Amino acid sequence: MFFVTSIITSCESLQSFELHWCTSSGYDESHEEWSIVKIWDALVHVRRTIQEIMFESIVDIPLGSPTADSVSSLSEFIDLRILKVDGRSFEGMFQAWAFKTRSSDMDDFVAQLLPTGIRSLTIWAPSHALIPALLALARGKSGGLYESLTTIEIGASTTFKHWLPRPEWLSNQAELREEFGRAGAQLKMDIPYVPPEMLNFALLAGGLIG
C-alpha cells in the first residue's frame, strides 16, 4: 500500500493508472493497513491530469473505513474519460458518500459521482446492490447527465475472470438494457448463468458473489 500510494502522490501529471491487485499478503505491511479507500485518496493528488483509471482488487482487500476526507465523488477528476473498476471500488466510494452526507439516496450519489466529460464506464464483478445505481445512472443520462458517456460495460474482468452473479442480474438485464437504450448509451452486459447449487455453495464459502 505504501509503495503504490507513494508512487501516485509523487506524480505531478499522471494521465493513466492501472492496478490489478491480486494479493493481500507480504511486504511487511499489516493487512489491516491496506484498503481500496486509500487508493482513491491517493488518486485525488492527480485529479486534474488523470485521463484513464483501471483498478480492481480481490475480495480480501478491505474496503477501508471512510472518513470525512475520503473520496466520495470523482467529479473533480476533470480530465477523466475512461473508468474501469470493480464493483467494490464503487461500494467504497458510496460508503464514503453516505458517511459524509448521511444519505442513502442513490440518485443523488450517482448525480455527483462522475466528471461531466466521462465517456466510457466499465464495472467488473459488481454486487447486485449496484443495480439501483445503474438504473439511477440511466435515469440521469436520460435527463441530460453525463452527456459524453456513450458506453457502459458490465461483466467479469479479463484479469480475475471469476464472478458469480446473483439471479437479480439476469432478472434485471432487460430493464437495464431498455433504460440505457432510451438514454442513448450502449450497454454491454456479459452476465453468465450460474446454476443455483453453485451459487449456494459459493455463498456458503464466501466466494466472489455479485
N, C-alpha and C. Protein backbone atom coordinates (compact mmCIF):
# COMPACT_ATOMS: atom_id res chain seq x y z
N MET A 1 0.82 -1.20 0.00
CA MET A 1 0.00 0.00 0.00
C MET A 1 0.86 1.26 0.00
N PHE A 2 1.89 1.28 0.86
CA PHE A 2 2.75 2.45 0.95
C PHE A 2 3.45 2.71 -0.38
N PHE A 3 3.92 1.65 -1.02
CA PHE A 3 4.63 1.78 -2.30
C PHE A 3 3.71 2.35 -3.37
N VAL A 4 2.51 1.78 -3.49
CA VAL A 4 1.56 2.21 -4.53
C VAL A 4 1.13 3.66 -4.31
N THR A 5 0.73 3.99 -3.10
CA THR A 5 0.25 5.35 -2.85
C THR A 5 1.38 6.36 -2.95
N SER A 6 2.59 5.97 -2.61
CA SER A 6 3.73 6.89 -2.72
C SER A 6 4.02 7.22 -4.18
N ILE A 7 3.93 6.21 -5.04
CA ILE A 7 4.15 6.46 -6.48
C ILE A 7 3.11 7.43 -7.01
N ILE A 8 1.85 7.18 -6.66
CA ILE A 8 0.78 8.04 -7.17
C ILE A 8 0.98 9.49 -6.72
N THR A 9 1.23 9.67 -5.44
CA THR A 9 1.33 11.03 -4.90
C THR A 9 2.61 11.74 -5.30
N SER A 10 3.59 11.00 -5.82
CA SER A 10 4.82 11.64 -6.28
C SER A 10 4.70 12.15 -7.71
N CYS A 11 3.65 11.75 -8.41
CA CYS A 11 3.44 12.18 -9.80
C CYS A 11 2.76 13.54 -9.85
N GLU A 12 3.20 14.35 -10.77
CA GLU A 12 2.61 15.67 -10.92
C GLU A 12 1.63 15.74 -12.09
N SER A 13 1.76 14.83 -13.05
CA SER A 13 0.88 14.91 -14.22
C SER A 13 0.54 13.51 -14.74
N LEU A 14 0.18 12.63 -13.84
CA LEU A 14 -0.16 11.26 -14.21
C LEU A 14 -1.43 11.26 -15.07
N GLN A 15 -1.38 10.56 -16.20
CA GLN A 15 -2.53 10.53 -17.10
C GLN A 15 -3.24 9.19 -17.12
N SER A 16 -2.54 8.11 -16.79
CA SER A 16 -3.16 6.79 -16.82
C SER A 16 -2.69 5.98 -15.62
N PHE A 17 -3.65 5.32 -14.96
CA PHE A 17 -3.33 4.49 -13.80
C PHE A 17 -3.99 3.13 -13.97
N GLU A 18 -3.21 2.06 -13.77
CA GLU A 18 -3.75 0.70 -13.88
C GLU A 18 -3.20 -0.16 -12.75
N LEU A 19 -4.11 -0.80 -12.02
CA LEU A 19 -3.71 -1.68 -10.92
C LEU A 19 -4.68 -2.85 -10.82
N HIS A 20 -4.14 -4.05 -10.91
CA HIS A 20 -4.91 -5.27 -10.69
C HIS A 20 -4.33 -5.91 -9.43
N TRP A 21 -5.01 -5.70 -8.32
CA TRP A 21 -4.47 -6.03 -7.00
C TRP A 21 -4.92 -7.43 -6.62
N CYS A 22 -4.01 -8.39 -6.71
CA CYS A 22 -4.42 -9.79 -6.60
C CYS A 22 -3.81 -10.51 -5.41
N THR A 23 -3.21 -9.81 -4.47
CA THR A 23 -2.70 -10.47 -3.28
C THR A 23 -2.86 -9.55 -2.08
N SER A 24 -2.96 -10.16 -0.92
CA SER A 24 -3.14 -9.35 0.28
C SER A 24 -2.14 -9.73 1.37
N SER A 25 -1.02 -10.28 0.99
CA SER A 25 -0.05 -10.70 1.99
C SER A 25 1.36 -10.28 1.57
N GLY A 26 2.23 -10.19 2.55
CA GLY A 26 3.62 -9.89 2.25
C GLY A 26 3.98 -8.43 2.40
N TYR A 27 5.22 -8.11 2.06
CA TYR A 27 5.75 -6.74 2.04
C TYR A 27 5.78 -6.08 3.41
N ASP A 28 5.74 -6.90 4.47
CA ASP A 28 5.90 -6.39 5.84
C ASP A 28 4.89 -5.34 6.23
N GLU A 29 3.75 -5.35 5.59
CA GLU A 29 2.70 -4.41 5.97
C GLU A 29 1.53 -5.18 6.57
N SER A 30 0.92 -4.61 7.56
CA SER A 30 -0.25 -5.23 8.16
C SER A 30 -1.40 -5.22 7.16
N HIS A 31 -2.08 -6.33 7.06
CA HIS A 31 -3.22 -6.45 6.17
C HIS A 31 -4.26 -5.37 6.47
N GLU A 32 -4.44 -5.03 7.73
CA GLU A 32 -5.45 -4.06 8.11
C GLU A 32 -5.13 -2.66 7.59
N GLU A 33 -3.89 -2.43 7.21
CA GLU A 33 -3.50 -1.11 6.70
C GLU A 33 -3.81 -0.95 5.22
N TRP A 34 -4.17 -2.04 4.56
CA TRP A 34 -4.47 -1.97 3.13
C TRP A 34 -5.95 -1.69 2.94
N SER A 35 -6.29 -0.90 1.97
CA SER A 35 -7.71 -0.68 1.69
C SER A 35 -7.89 -0.02 0.34
N ILE A 36 -9.05 -0.26 -0.24
CA ILE A 36 -9.42 0.36 -1.51
C ILE A 36 -9.57 1.87 -1.33
N VAL A 37 -10.11 2.28 -0.21
CA VAL A 37 -10.32 3.71 0.06
C VAL A 37 -9.01 4.49 -0.07
N LYS A 38 -7.90 3.90 0.39
CA LYS A 38 -6.62 4.60 0.35
C LYS A 38 -6.12 4.82 -1.08
N ILE A 39 -6.48 3.91 -1.99
CA ILE A 39 -6.10 4.11 -3.39
C ILE A 39 -6.83 5.33 -3.96
N TRP A 40 -8.12 5.41 -3.71
CA TRP A 40 -8.88 6.58 -4.17
C TRP A 40 -8.33 7.87 -3.56
N ASP A 41 -8.00 7.82 -2.27
CA ASP A 41 -7.49 9.01 -1.61
C ASP A 41 -6.17 9.47 -2.23
N ALA A 42 -5.33 8.51 -2.64
CA ALA A 42 -4.07 8.87 -3.29
C ALA A 42 -4.31 9.46 -4.68
N LEU A 43 -5.29 8.91 -5.40
CA LEU A 43 -5.55 9.38 -6.76
C LEU A 43 -6.08 10.81 -6.79
N VAL A 44 -6.59 11.30 -5.69
CA VAL A 44 -7.02 12.70 -5.63
C VAL A 44 -5.87 13.64 -6.01
N HIS A 45 -4.64 13.22 -5.70
CA HIS A 45 -3.46 14.05 -5.99
C HIS A 45 -3.33 14.36 -7.48
N VAL A 46 -3.82 13.46 -8.34
CA VAL A 46 -3.68 13.66 -9.79
C VAL A 46 -5.04 13.89 -10.45
N ARG A 47 -6.00 14.38 -9.68
CA ARG A 47 -7.36 14.52 -10.19
C ARG A 47 -7.48 15.50 -11.35
N ARG A 48 -6.51 16.38 -11.52
CA ARG A 48 -6.61 17.37 -12.59
C ARG A 48 -5.88 16.95 -13.87
N THR A 49 -5.21 15.79 -13.84
CA THR A 49 -4.49 15.34 -15.03
C THR A 49 -4.86 13.93 -15.47
N ILE A 50 -5.39 13.11 -14.58
CA ILE A 50 -5.65 11.71 -14.90
C ILE A 50 -6.76 11.60 -15.94
N GLN A 51 -6.52 10.78 -16.96
CA GLN A 51 -7.49 10.61 -18.04
C GLN A 51 -8.11 9.21 -18.06
N GLU A 52 -7.39 8.23 -17.52
CA GLU A 52 -7.89 6.86 -17.53
C GLU A 52 -7.51 6.17 -16.22
N ILE A 53 -8.47 5.53 -15.59
CA ILE A 53 -8.25 4.76 -14.37
C ILE A 53 -8.75 3.34 -14.58
N MET A 54 -7.88 2.37 -14.30
CA MET A 54 -8.24 0.96 -14.36
C MET A 54 -7.80 0.34 -13.05
N PHE A 55 -8.75 -0.11 -12.23
CA PHE A 55 -8.42 -0.55 -10.89
C PHE A 55 -9.38 -1.64 -10.42
N GLU A 56 -8.82 -2.74 -9.93
CA GLU A 56 -9.62 -3.80 -9.33
C GLU A 56 -8.80 -4.53 -8.28
N SER A 57 -9.51 -5.21 -7.37
CA SER A 57 -8.82 -5.93 -6.31
C SER A 57 -9.59 -7.20 -5.98
N ILE A 58 -8.92 -8.17 -5.38
CA ILE A 58 -9.59 -9.38 -4.95
C ILE A 58 -10.39 -9.10 -3.69
N VAL A 59 -11.24 -10.04 -3.32
CA VAL A 59 -12.23 -9.76 -2.28
C VAL A 59 -11.64 -9.58 -0.89
N ASP A 60 -10.45 -10.12 -0.62
CA ASP A 60 -9.95 -9.98 0.75
C ASP A 60 -9.14 -8.72 0.97
N ILE A 61 -9.09 -7.83 -0.02
CA ILE A 61 -8.58 -6.48 0.21
C ILE A 61 -9.72 -5.67 0.82
N PRO A 62 -9.58 -5.17 2.03
CA PRO A 62 -10.69 -4.48 2.68
C PRO A 62 -11.05 -3.16 1.99
N LEU A 63 -12.32 -2.80 2.08
CA LEU A 63 -12.75 -1.52 1.53
C LEU A 63 -12.12 -0.37 2.31
N GLY A 64 -11.95 -0.56 3.61
CA GLY A 64 -11.44 0.51 4.46
C GLY A 64 -12.57 1.25 5.13
N SER A 65 -12.23 2.04 6.11
CA SER A 65 -13.23 2.80 6.86
C SER A 65 -13.21 4.25 6.40
N PRO A 66 -14.31 4.73 5.82
CA PRO A 66 -14.33 6.10 5.31
C PRO A 66 -14.24 7.14 6.42
N THR A 67 -13.66 8.27 6.08
CA THR A 67 -13.60 9.42 6.99
C THR A 67 -14.16 10.63 6.26
N ALA A 68 -14.16 11.76 6.90
CA ALA A 68 -14.66 12.99 6.28
C ALA A 68 -13.82 13.40 5.08
N ASP A 69 -12.59 12.89 4.99
CA ASP A 69 -11.70 13.25 3.89
C ASP A 69 -11.67 12.20 2.78
N SER A 70 -12.38 11.10 2.95
CA SER A 70 -12.36 10.02 1.95
C SER A 70 -13.02 10.46 0.66
N VAL A 71 -12.57 9.88 -0.45
CA VAL A 71 -13.12 10.20 -1.76
C VAL A 71 -14.52 9.62 -1.88
N SER A 72 -15.48 10.46 -2.19
CA SER A 72 -16.86 10.02 -2.36
C SER A 72 -17.41 10.41 -3.72
N SER A 73 -16.58 11.05 -4.53
CA SER A 73 -17.00 11.51 -5.85
C SER A 73 -15.77 11.69 -6.72
N LEU A 74 -15.95 11.48 -8.03
CA LEU A 74 -14.87 11.73 -8.99
C LEU A 74 -15.15 12.98 -9.82
N SER A 75 -16.06 13.79 -9.38
CA SER A 75 -16.47 14.96 -10.17
C SER A 75 -15.32 15.95 -10.39
N GLU A 76 -14.34 15.96 -9.48
CA GLU A 76 -13.21 16.88 -9.64
C GLU A 76 -12.09 16.30 -10.49
N PHE A 77 -12.25 15.07 -10.98
CA PHE A 77 -11.28 14.47 -11.89
C PHE A 77 -11.63 14.96 -13.29
N ILE A 78 -11.27 16.20 -13.55
CA ILE A 78 -11.84 16.94 -14.68
C ILE A 78 -11.50 16.39 -16.05
N ASP A 79 -10.37 15.69 -16.19
CA ASP A 79 -9.98 15.14 -17.49
C ASP A 79 -10.25 13.64 -17.62
N LEU A 80 -10.88 13.04 -16.61
CA LEU A 80 -11.12 11.60 -16.64
C LEU A 80 -12.14 11.26 -17.73
N ARG A 81 -11.73 10.38 -18.64
CA ARG A 81 -12.59 9.99 -19.75
C ARG A 81 -12.94 8.51 -19.72
N ILE A 82 -12.04 7.67 -19.22
CA ILE A 82 -12.25 6.22 -19.21
C ILE A 82 -12.07 5.70 -17.79
N LEU A 83 -13.08 5.01 -17.28
CA LEU A 83 -13.04 4.47 -15.93
C LEU A 83 -13.41 2.99 -15.97
N LYS A 84 -12.48 2.15 -15.51
CA LYS A 84 -12.70 0.71 -15.46
C LYS A 84 -12.34 0.23 -14.05
N VAL A 85 -13.35 -0.12 -13.27
CA VAL A 85 -13.12 -0.51 -11.88
C VAL A 85 -14.05 -1.66 -11.51
N ASP A 86 -13.71 -2.36 -10.43
CA ASP A 86 -14.60 -3.39 -9.94
C ASP A 86 -15.70 -2.76 -9.10
N GLY A 87 -16.75 -3.54 -8.88
CA GLY A 87 -17.89 -3.02 -8.15
C GLY A 87 -17.55 -2.58 -6.74
N ARG A 88 -16.59 -3.27 -6.11
CA ARG A 88 -16.22 -2.94 -4.73
C ARG A 88 -15.61 -1.54 -4.63
N SER A 89 -14.97 -1.08 -5.69
CA SER A 89 -14.41 0.27 -5.68
C SER A 89 -15.51 1.31 -5.58
N PHE A 90 -16.62 1.07 -6.29
CA PHE A 90 -17.76 1.97 -6.18
C PHE A 90 -18.42 1.86 -4.81
N GLU A 91 -18.44 0.65 -4.27
CA GLU A 91 -19.02 0.47 -2.95
C GLU A 91 -18.24 1.28 -1.90
N GLY A 92 -16.91 1.31 -2.05
CA GLY A 92 -16.10 2.10 -1.13
C GLY A 92 -16.44 3.57 -1.21
N MET A 93 -16.63 4.07 -2.44
CA MET A 93 -16.98 5.49 -2.60
C MET A 93 -18.38 5.77 -2.07
N PHE A 94 -19.29 4.82 -2.29
CA PHE A 94 -20.65 5.03 -1.79
C PHE A 94 -20.68 5.08 -0.26
N GLN A 95 -19.90 4.23 0.37
CA GLN A 95 -19.82 4.25 1.83
C GLN A 95 -19.29 5.60 2.32
N ALA A 96 -18.27 6.12 1.62
CA ALA A 96 -17.72 7.42 1.99
C ALA A 96 -18.75 8.53 1.78
N TRP A 97 -19.48 8.45 0.67
CA TRP A 97 -20.52 9.45 0.37
C TRP A 97 -21.63 9.41 1.41
N ALA A 98 -22.08 8.19 1.74
CA ALA A 98 -23.13 8.04 2.74
C ALA A 98 -22.67 8.54 4.11
N PHE A 99 -21.41 8.31 4.42
CA PHE A 99 -20.85 8.77 5.70
C PHE A 99 -20.86 10.29 5.78
N LYS A 100 -20.51 10.94 4.67
CA LYS A 100 -20.43 12.40 4.67
C LYS A 100 -21.81 13.06 4.63
N THR A 101 -22.68 12.52 3.79
CA THR A 101 -23.97 13.18 3.55
C THR A 101 -25.08 12.70 4.47
N ARG A 102 -24.82 11.58 5.15
CA ARG A 102 -25.86 10.95 5.99
C ARG A 102 -27.09 10.63 5.16
N SER A 103 -26.85 10.24 3.91
CA SER A 103 -27.92 9.93 2.97
C SER A 103 -27.63 8.59 2.29
N SER A 104 -28.67 7.94 1.80
CA SER A 104 -28.50 6.72 1.03
C SER A 104 -29.22 6.82 -0.32
N ASP A 105 -29.54 8.05 -0.72
CA ASP A 105 -30.26 8.27 -1.97
C ASP A 105 -29.35 7.98 -3.15
N MET A 106 -29.65 6.93 -3.91
CA MET A 106 -28.78 6.51 -5.00
C MET A 106 -28.76 7.51 -6.15
N ASP A 107 -29.88 8.17 -6.41
CA ASP A 107 -29.91 9.16 -7.49
C ASP A 107 -28.97 10.32 -7.19
N ASP A 108 -28.97 10.79 -5.95
CA ASP A 108 -28.08 11.88 -5.56
C ASP A 108 -26.62 11.46 -5.64
N PHE A 109 -26.34 10.24 -5.20
CA PHE A 109 -24.97 9.72 -5.27
C PHE A 109 -24.48 9.66 -6.70
N VAL A 110 -25.27 9.08 -7.59
CA VAL A 110 -24.87 8.92 -8.99
C VAL A 110 -24.71 10.28 -9.67
N ALA A 111 -25.57 11.22 -9.32
CA ALA A 111 -25.51 12.55 -9.94
C ALA A 111 -24.21 13.28 -9.62
N GLN A 112 -23.57 12.92 -8.51
CA GLN A 112 -22.32 13.58 -8.10
C GLN A 112 -21.09 12.70 -8.31
N LEU A 113 -21.29 11.50 -8.85
CA LEU A 113 -20.23 10.50 -8.86
C LEU A 113 -19.14 10.75 -9.89
N LEU A 114 -19.51 11.09 -11.12
CA LEU A 114 -18.57 11.11 -12.25
C LEU A 114 -18.33 12.53 -12.75
N PRO A 115 -17.19 12.73 -13.42
CA PRO A 115 -16.95 14.04 -14.06
C PRO A 115 -17.82 14.19 -15.30
N THR A 116 -18.07 15.40 -15.69
CA THR A 116 -19.01 15.64 -16.80
C THR A 116 -18.51 15.09 -18.13
N GLY A 117 -17.19 14.97 -18.30
CA GLY A 117 -16.64 14.53 -19.58
C GLY A 117 -16.42 13.04 -19.70
N ILE A 118 -16.88 12.24 -18.75
CA ILE A 118 -16.66 10.80 -18.80
C ILE A 118 -17.29 10.21 -20.07
N ARG A 119 -16.54 9.32 -20.72
CA ARG A 119 -17.02 8.73 -21.98
C ARG A 119 -17.33 7.25 -21.87
N SER A 120 -16.55 6.54 -21.09
CA SER A 120 -16.69 5.08 -21.01
C SER A 120 -16.58 4.62 -19.57
N LEU A 121 -17.52 3.75 -19.17
CA LEU A 121 -17.54 3.23 -17.81
C LEU A 121 -17.64 1.71 -17.86
N THR A 122 -16.68 1.04 -17.21
CA THR A 122 -16.70 -0.41 -17.11
C THR A 122 -16.71 -0.79 -15.63
N ILE A 123 -17.63 -1.68 -15.25
CA ILE A 123 -17.70 -2.16 -13.87
C ILE A 123 -17.55 -3.68 -13.90
N TRP A 124 -16.47 -4.16 -13.26
CA TRP A 124 -16.23 -5.60 -13.21
C TRP A 124 -16.83 -6.19 -11.94
N ALA A 125 -17.46 -7.36 -12.10
CA ALA A 125 -17.96 -8.14 -10.97
C ALA A 125 -18.72 -7.30 -9.94
N PRO A 126 -19.69 -6.52 -10.37
CA PRO A 126 -20.40 -5.69 -9.39
C PRO A 126 -21.35 -6.53 -8.53
N SER A 127 -21.57 -6.06 -7.32
CA SER A 127 -22.57 -6.67 -6.46
C SER A 127 -23.96 -6.31 -6.99
N HIS A 128 -24.93 -7.18 -6.72
CA HIS A 128 -26.31 -6.88 -7.12
C HIS A 128 -26.81 -5.60 -6.47
N ALA A 129 -26.14 -5.17 -5.39
CA ALA A 129 -26.53 -3.93 -4.72
C ALA A 129 -26.31 -2.71 -5.62
N LEU A 130 -25.52 -2.86 -6.68
CA LEU A 130 -25.26 -1.74 -7.58
C LEU A 130 -26.28 -1.63 -8.71
N ILE A 131 -27.20 -2.57 -8.80
CA ILE A 131 -28.23 -2.48 -9.84
C ILE A 131 -29.03 -1.18 -9.71
N PRO A 132 -29.46 -0.78 -8.51
CA PRO A 132 -30.15 0.51 -8.38
C PRO A 132 -29.30 1.69 -8.83
N ALA A 133 -27.97 1.61 -8.62
CA ALA A 133 -27.10 2.69 -9.05
C ALA A 133 -27.06 2.78 -10.58
N LEU A 134 -27.06 1.64 -11.26
CA LEU A 134 -27.07 1.64 -12.72
C LEU A 134 -28.38 2.18 -13.26
N LEU A 135 -29.48 1.81 -12.64
CA LEU A 135 -30.77 2.36 -13.06
C LEU A 135 -30.82 3.87 -12.82
N ALA A 136 -30.23 4.31 -11.71
CA ALA A 136 -30.16 5.75 -11.45
C ALA A 136 -29.28 6.45 -12.49
N LEU A 137 -28.21 5.78 -12.90
CA LEU A 137 -27.34 6.35 -13.93
C LEU A 137 -28.08 6.49 -15.26
N ALA A 138 -28.87 5.48 -15.61
CA ALA A 138 -29.65 5.55 -16.84
C ALA A 138 -30.66 6.68 -16.78
N ARG A 139 -31.33 6.83 -15.65
CA ARG A 139 -32.30 7.92 -15.50
C ARG A 139 -31.61 9.27 -15.61
N GLY A 140 -30.44 9.38 -14.96
CA GLY A 140 -29.70 10.63 -15.03
C GLY A 140 -29.25 10.95 -16.44
N LYS A 141 -28.80 9.92 -17.15
CA LYS A 141 -28.36 10.10 -18.53
C LYS A 141 -29.53 10.56 -19.40
N SER A 142 -30.69 9.99 -19.19
CA SER A 142 -31.89 10.41 -19.94
C SER A 142 -32.24 11.87 -19.66
N GLY A 143 -31.92 12.32 -18.44
CA GLY A 143 -32.22 13.69 -18.07
C GLY A 143 -31.14 14.69 -18.40
N GLY A 144 -30.11 14.25 -19.14
CA GLY A 144 -29.06 15.16 -19.57
C GLY A 144 -27.77 15.07 -18.78
N LEU A 145 -27.69 14.12 -17.85
CA LEU A 145 -26.48 13.95 -17.04
C LEU A 145 -25.45 13.15 -17.83
N TYR A 146 -24.19 13.55 -17.72
CA TYR A 146 -23.08 12.84 -18.36
C TYR A 146 -23.32 12.64 -19.87
N GLU A 147 -23.47 13.73 -20.55
CA GLU A 147 -23.82 13.68 -21.98
C GLU A 147 -22.76 12.97 -22.83
N SER A 148 -21.50 12.98 -22.39
CA SER A 148 -20.44 12.36 -23.18
C SER A 148 -20.34 10.85 -22.96
N LEU A 149 -21.04 10.34 -21.95
CA LEU A 149 -20.98 8.92 -21.64
C LEU A 149 -21.76 8.13 -22.68
N THR A 150 -21.05 7.31 -23.45
CA THR A 150 -21.70 6.58 -24.53
C THR A 150 -21.65 5.07 -24.36
N THR A 151 -20.73 4.57 -23.50
CA THR A 151 -20.56 3.12 -23.36
C THR A 151 -20.47 2.72 -21.90
N ILE A 152 -21.27 1.74 -21.52
CA ILE A 152 -21.22 1.16 -20.17
C ILE A 152 -21.08 -0.35 -20.33
N GLU A 153 -20.10 -0.94 -19.65
CA GLU A 153 -19.88 -2.38 -19.74
C GLU A 153 -19.96 -3.01 -18.34
N ILE A 154 -20.61 -4.15 -18.28
CA ILE A 154 -20.77 -4.90 -17.03
C ILE A 154 -20.36 -6.35 -17.29
N GLY A 155 -19.49 -6.90 -16.44
CA GLY A 155 -19.10 -8.29 -16.61
C GLY A 155 -17.90 -8.63 -15.75
N ALA A 156 -17.36 -9.82 -15.98
CA ALA A 156 -16.15 -10.24 -15.27
C ALA A 156 -14.93 -9.60 -15.93
N SER A 157 -13.90 -9.31 -15.16
CA SER A 157 -12.70 -8.70 -15.73
C SER A 157 -11.90 -9.75 -16.50
N THR A 158 -11.07 -9.28 -17.40
CA THR A 158 -10.22 -10.19 -18.16
C THR A 158 -9.05 -10.68 -17.32
N THR A 159 -8.82 -10.05 -16.18
CA THR A 159 -7.70 -10.44 -15.32
C THR A 159 -8.11 -11.48 -14.29
N PHE A 160 -9.12 -11.18 -13.47
CA PHE A 160 -9.53 -12.10 -12.41
C PHE A 160 -10.56 -13.11 -12.89
N LYS A 161 -11.37 -12.73 -13.85
CA LYS A 161 -12.34 -13.59 -14.53
C LYS A 161 -13.46 -14.11 -13.65
N HIS A 162 -13.20 -14.41 -12.40
CA HIS A 162 -14.19 -15.08 -11.56
C HIS A 162 -15.28 -14.10 -11.09
N TRP A 163 -16.51 -14.43 -11.44
CA TRP A 163 -17.66 -13.65 -10.97
C TRP A 163 -18.88 -14.54 -11.02
N LEU A 164 -19.54 -14.69 -9.90
CA LEU A 164 -20.76 -15.48 -9.82
C LEU A 164 -21.92 -14.53 -9.53
N PRO A 165 -22.56 -14.02 -10.58
CA PRO A 165 -23.63 -13.03 -10.36
C PRO A 165 -24.89 -13.67 -9.79
N ARG A 166 -25.53 -12.96 -8.90
CA ARG A 166 -26.80 -13.42 -8.35
C ARG A 166 -27.89 -13.38 -9.44
N PRO A 167 -28.98 -14.10 -9.25
CA PRO A 167 -30.06 -14.12 -10.25
C PRO A 167 -30.63 -12.73 -10.55
N GLU A 168 -30.49 -11.78 -9.62
CA GLU A 168 -31.01 -10.44 -9.85
C GLU A 168 -30.46 -9.80 -11.11
N TRP A 169 -29.22 -10.17 -11.48
CA TRP A 169 -28.63 -9.58 -12.68
C TRP A 169 -29.38 -10.03 -13.93
N LEU A 170 -29.69 -11.30 -14.01
CA LEU A 170 -30.43 -11.80 -15.17
C LEU A 170 -31.86 -11.26 -15.20
N SER A 171 -32.48 -11.17 -14.04
CA SER A 171 -33.88 -10.71 -13.99
C SER A 171 -34.00 -9.21 -14.27
N ASN A 172 -32.94 -8.47 -14.05
CA ASN A 172 -32.97 -7.01 -14.31
C ASN A 172 -32.30 -6.63 -15.62
N GLN A 173 -31.76 -7.62 -16.32
CA GLN A 173 -30.99 -7.33 -17.52
C GLN A 173 -31.81 -6.60 -18.58
N ALA A 174 -33.04 -7.06 -18.84
CA ALA A 174 -33.87 -6.44 -19.87
C ALA A 174 -34.18 -4.98 -19.52
N GLU A 175 -34.51 -4.73 -18.25
CA GLU A 175 -34.83 -3.35 -17.85
C GLU A 175 -33.61 -2.45 -17.98
N LEU A 176 -32.44 -2.95 -17.60
CA LEU A 176 -31.23 -2.15 -17.72
C LEU A 176 -30.94 -1.80 -19.18
N ARG A 177 -31.07 -2.78 -20.05
CA ARG A 177 -30.83 -2.52 -21.48
C ARG A 177 -31.82 -1.50 -22.02
N GLU A 178 -33.06 -1.65 -21.63
CA GLU A 178 -34.10 -0.74 -22.10
C GLU A 178 -33.84 0.68 -21.62
N GLU A 179 -33.48 0.83 -20.34
CA GLU A 179 -33.27 2.16 -19.79
C GLU A 179 -32.07 2.85 -20.41
N PHE A 180 -30.99 2.13 -20.61
CA PHE A 180 -29.82 2.75 -21.22
C PHE A 180 -30.04 3.00 -22.71
N GLY A 181 -30.79 2.12 -23.37
CA GLY A 181 -31.13 2.37 -24.76
C GLY A 181 -31.94 3.63 -24.92
N ARG A 182 -32.89 3.84 -24.01
CA ARG A 182 -33.69 5.06 -24.02
C ARG A 182 -32.83 6.29 -23.74
N ALA A 183 -31.77 6.10 -22.95
CA ALA A 183 -30.89 7.21 -22.61
C ALA A 183 -29.87 7.51 -23.71
N GLY A 184 -29.78 6.65 -24.72
CA GLY A 184 -28.85 6.88 -25.82
C GLY A 184 -27.44 6.42 -25.53
N ALA A 185 -27.30 5.44 -24.62
CA ALA A 185 -25.98 4.90 -24.29
C ALA A 185 -25.98 3.40 -24.57
N GLN A 186 -24.83 2.91 -25.02
CA GLN A 186 -24.69 1.49 -25.32
C GLN A 186 -24.31 0.72 -24.06
N LEU A 187 -25.15 -0.24 -23.68
CA LEU A 187 -24.88 -1.07 -22.52
C LEU A 187 -24.43 -2.45 -22.98
N LYS A 188 -23.21 -2.81 -22.61
CA LYS A 188 -22.68 -4.13 -22.93
C LYS A 188 -22.66 -4.96 -21.65
N MET A 189 -23.41 -6.05 -21.64
CA MET A 189 -23.50 -6.88 -20.44
C MET A 189 -23.13 -8.32 -20.77
N ASP A 190 -22.27 -8.87 -19.95
CA ASP A 190 -21.90 -10.27 -20.08
C ASP A 190 -22.19 -10.93 -18.73
N ILE A 191 -23.43 -11.39 -18.57
CA ILE A 191 -23.90 -11.94 -17.30
C ILE A 191 -24.00 -13.46 -17.45
N PRO A 192 -23.05 -14.20 -16.93
CA PRO A 192 -23.10 -15.66 -17.07
C PRO A 192 -24.21 -16.27 -16.21
N TYR A 193 -24.75 -17.36 -16.69
CA TYR A 193 -25.73 -18.09 -15.89
C TYR A 193 -24.99 -18.95 -14.87
N VAL A 194 -25.42 -18.86 -13.63
CA VAL A 194 -24.81 -19.65 -12.56
C VAL A 194 -25.87 -20.61 -12.00
N PRO A 195 -25.64 -21.92 -12.07
CA PRO A 195 -26.60 -22.87 -11.50
C PRO A 195 -26.82 -22.59 -10.02
N PRO A 196 -28.06 -22.71 -9.55
CA PRO A 196 -28.36 -22.40 -8.14
C PRO A 196 -27.48 -23.15 -7.15
N GLU A 197 -27.17 -24.41 -7.44
CA GLU A 197 -26.35 -25.17 -6.50
C GLU A 197 -24.94 -24.60 -6.39
N MET A 198 -24.41 -24.09 -7.50
CA MET A 198 -23.07 -23.49 -7.47
C MET A 198 -23.10 -22.18 -6.71
N LEU A 199 -24.15 -21.39 -6.91
CA LEU A 199 -24.28 -20.12 -6.22
C LEU A 199 -24.43 -20.33 -4.72
N ASN A 200 -25.24 -21.32 -4.34
CA ASN A 200 -25.42 -21.61 -2.91
C ASN A 200 -24.12 -22.03 -2.26
N PHE A 201 -23.35 -22.85 -2.97
CA PHE A 201 -22.06 -23.28 -2.43
C PHE A 201 -21.12 -22.11 -2.26
N ALA A 202 -21.10 -21.20 -3.27
CA ALA A 202 -20.22 -20.04 -3.20
C ALA A 202 -20.63 -19.10 -2.07
N LEU A 203 -21.93 -18.98 -1.83
CA LEU A 203 -22.38 -18.13 -0.73
C LEU A 203 -21.92 -18.68 0.61
N LEU A 204 -21.98 -19.98 0.75
CA LEU A 204 -21.53 -20.61 1.99
C LEU A 204 -20.02 -20.49 2.16
N ALA A 205 -19.30 -20.53 1.01
CA ALA A 205 -17.84 -20.49 1.06
C ALA A 205 -17.29 -19.08 1.08
N GLY A 206 -18.17 -18.08 0.88
CA GLY A 206 -17.72 -16.69 0.89
C GLY A 206 -16.98 -16.30 -0.38
N GLY A 207 -17.39 -16.81 -1.54
CA GLY A 207 -16.72 -16.51 -2.79
C GLY A 207 -17.10 -15.16 -3.34
N LEU A 208 -16.63 -14.87 -4.57
CA LEU A 208 -16.89 -13.58 -5.20
C LEU A 208 -18.30 -13.59 -5.78
N ILE A 209 -19.24 -13.04 -5.05
CA ILE A 209 -20.65 -13.08 -5.40
C ILE A 209 -21.12 -11.68 -5.77
N GLY A 210 -21.84 -11.60 -6.89
CA GLY A 210 -22.35 -10.31 -7.33
C GLY A 210 -23.82 -10.19 -7.18
